[in-house]
Amino acid sequence: MSEKKKTLVLGASLKTWRVSHDAVNRLVKYGHPVVARGKNRRDRYY
């Protein structure tokens, strides 16, 4: 099986009503490695 590449989400947010938050959660839910970068330091998670 091939190694999965990380997906970079720019503009990620910890605010639950943002589309980027939903996108990151869905990627993680389905097993995709994610690097999420937001404007604020608190919005950055891996």
N, C-alpha and C. Protein backbone atom coordinates (compact mmCIF):
# COMPACT_ATOMS: atom_id res chain seq x y z
N MET A 1 0.84 -1.17 0.00
CA MET A 1 0.00 0.00 0.00
C MET A 1 0.89 1.24 0.00
N SER A 2 0.51 2.24 -0.76
CA SER A 2 1.33 3.45 -0.85
C SER A 2 1.11 4.36 0.36
N GLU A 3 2.14 5.14 0.64
CA GLU A 3 2.09 6.06 1.78
C GLU A 3 1.19 7.24 1.44
N LYS A 4 0.34 7.63 2.38
CA LYS A 4 -0.55 8.77 2.15
C LYS A 4 0.22 10.06 2.31
N LYS A 5 -0.06 11.01 1.44
CA LYS A 5 0.57 12.32 1.53
C LYS A 5 -0.26 13.20 2.47
N LYS A 6 0.41 14.12 3.14
CA LYS A 6 -0.30 15.04 4.03
C LYS A 6 -1.07 16.07 3.21
N THR A 7 -2.20 16.46 3.73
CA THR A 7 -3.00 17.50 3.11
C THR A 7 -2.85 18.78 3.92
N LEU A 8 -2.47 19.86 3.26
CA LEU A 8 -2.31 21.15 3.91
C LEU A 8 -3.59 21.95 3.74
N VAL A 9 -4.16 22.40 4.85
CA VAL A 9 -5.37 23.24 4.81
C VAL A 9 -4.95 24.63 5.29
N LEU A 10 -4.91 25.58 4.35
CA LEU A 10 -4.59 26.96 4.70
C LEU A 10 -5.88 27.69 5.04
N GLY A 11 -5.82 28.52 6.07
CA GLY A 11 -7.01 29.25 6.49
C GLY A 11 -7.89 28.44 7.42
N ALA A 12 -7.31 27.44 8.06
CA ALA A 12 -8.08 26.60 8.99
C ALA A 12 -8.51 27.41 10.21
N SER A 13 -9.62 27.02 10.79
CA SER A 13 -10.16 27.75 11.93
C SER A 13 -10.67 26.77 12.98
N LEU A 14 -10.56 27.17 14.23
CA LEU A 14 -11.12 26.37 15.31
C LEU A 14 -12.59 26.71 15.56
N LYS A 15 -13.11 27.70 14.85
CA LYS A 15 -14.52 28.08 14.97
C LYS A 15 -15.37 27.04 14.25
N THR A 16 -16.28 26.43 14.98
CA THR A 16 -17.02 25.28 14.46
C THR A 16 -17.95 25.61 13.30
N TRP A 17 -18.33 26.85 13.11
CA TRP A 17 -19.24 27.20 12.01
C TRP A 17 -18.50 27.49 10.71
N ARG A 18 -17.18 27.45 10.72
CA ARG A 18 -16.39 27.70 9.51
C ARG A 18 -16.28 26.44 8.66
N VAL A 19 -16.31 26.62 7.35
CA VAL A 19 -16.22 25.49 6.42
C VAL A 19 -14.86 24.80 6.56
N SER A 20 -13.80 25.56 6.80
CA SER A 20 -12.47 24.96 6.93
C SER A 20 -12.40 24.01 8.12
N HIS A 21 -13.11 24.32 9.18
CA HIS A 21 -13.16 23.45 10.36
C HIS A 21 -13.81 22.12 10.00
N ASP A 22 -14.90 22.19 9.27
CA ASP A 22 -15.60 20.98 8.83
C ASP A 22 -14.72 20.16 7.88
N ALA A 23 -14.01 20.83 6.99
CA ALA A 23 -13.15 20.13 6.04
C ALA A 23 -12.04 19.38 6.75
N VAL A 24 -11.39 20.02 7.71
CA VAL A 24 -10.32 19.36 8.46
C VAL A 24 -10.87 18.16 9.22
N ASN A 25 -11.99 18.32 9.86
CA ASN A 25 -12.59 17.22 10.63
C ASN A 25 -12.94 16.03 9.74
N ARG A 26 -13.46 16.30 8.56
CA ARG A 26 -13.81 15.20 7.64
C ARG A 26 -12.56 14.48 7.13
N LEU A 27 -11.53 15.25 6.82
CA LEU A 27 -10.28 14.62 6.37
C LEU A 27 -9.72 13.71 7.45
N VAL A 28 -9.70 14.18 8.68
CA VAL A 28 -9.19 13.38 9.79
C VAL A 28 -10.07 12.16 10.02
N LYS A 29 -11.38 12.36 9.95
CA LYS A 29 -12.33 11.26 10.16
C LYS A 29 -12.09 10.10 9.19
N TYR A 30 -11.72 10.43 7.95
CA TYR A 30 -11.52 9.41 6.94
C TYR A 30 -10.06 8.98 6.80
N GLY A 31 -9.24 9.37 7.79
CA GLY A 31 -7.89 8.84 7.87
C GLY A 31 -6.82 9.55 7.07
N HIS A 32 -7.10 10.76 6.61
CA HIS A 32 -6.10 11.51 5.86
C HIS A 32 -5.22 12.30 6.83
N PRO A 33 -3.90 12.23 6.66
CA PRO A 33 -3.02 13.06 7.49
C PRO A 33 -3.17 14.53 7.09
N VAL A 34 -3.35 15.39 8.08
CA VAL A 34 -3.66 16.79 7.82
C VAL A 34 -2.72 17.71 8.58
N VAL A 35 -2.29 18.78 7.90
CA VAL A 35 -1.61 19.89 8.54
C VAL A 35 -2.49 21.10 8.29
N ALA A 36 -3.02 21.68 9.35
CA ALA A 36 -3.95 22.80 9.23
C ALA A 36 -3.28 24.07 9.76
N ARG A 37 -3.30 25.12 8.95
CA ARG A 37 -2.66 26.38 9.33
C ARG A 37 -3.70 27.49 9.24
N GLY A 38 -3.85 28.20 10.34
CA GLY A 38 -4.78 29.32 10.38
C GLY A 38 -4.05 30.64 10.54
N LYS A 39 -4.80 31.71 10.50
CA LYS A 39 -4.23 33.04 10.63
C LYS A 39 -3.66 33.25 12.03
N ASN A 40 -4.38 32.79 13.03
CA ASN A 40 -3.94 32.94 14.42
C ASN A 40 -3.14 31.73 14.86
N ARG A 41 -2.24 31.94 15.79
CA ARG A 41 -1.42 30.83 16.28
C ARG A 41 -2.29 29.71 16.86
N ARG A 42 -3.38 30.05 17.52
CA ARG A 42 -4.24 29.02 18.12
C ARG A 42 -4.99 28.20 17.07
N ASP A 43 -5.02 28.70 15.83
CA ASP A 43 -5.72 27.98 14.75
C ASP A 43 -4.81 27.02 13.99
N ARG A 44 -3.64 26.73 14.54
CA ARG A 44 -2.71 25.83 13.87
C ARG A 44 -2.66 24.50 14.59
N TYR A 45 -2.99 23.47 13.90
CA TYR A 45 -2.92 22.15 14.49
C TYR A 45 -2.52 21.14 13.43
N TYR A 46 -2.08 19.98 13.88
CA TYR A 46 -1.54 18.98 12.96
C TYR A 46 -2.24 17.66 13.13
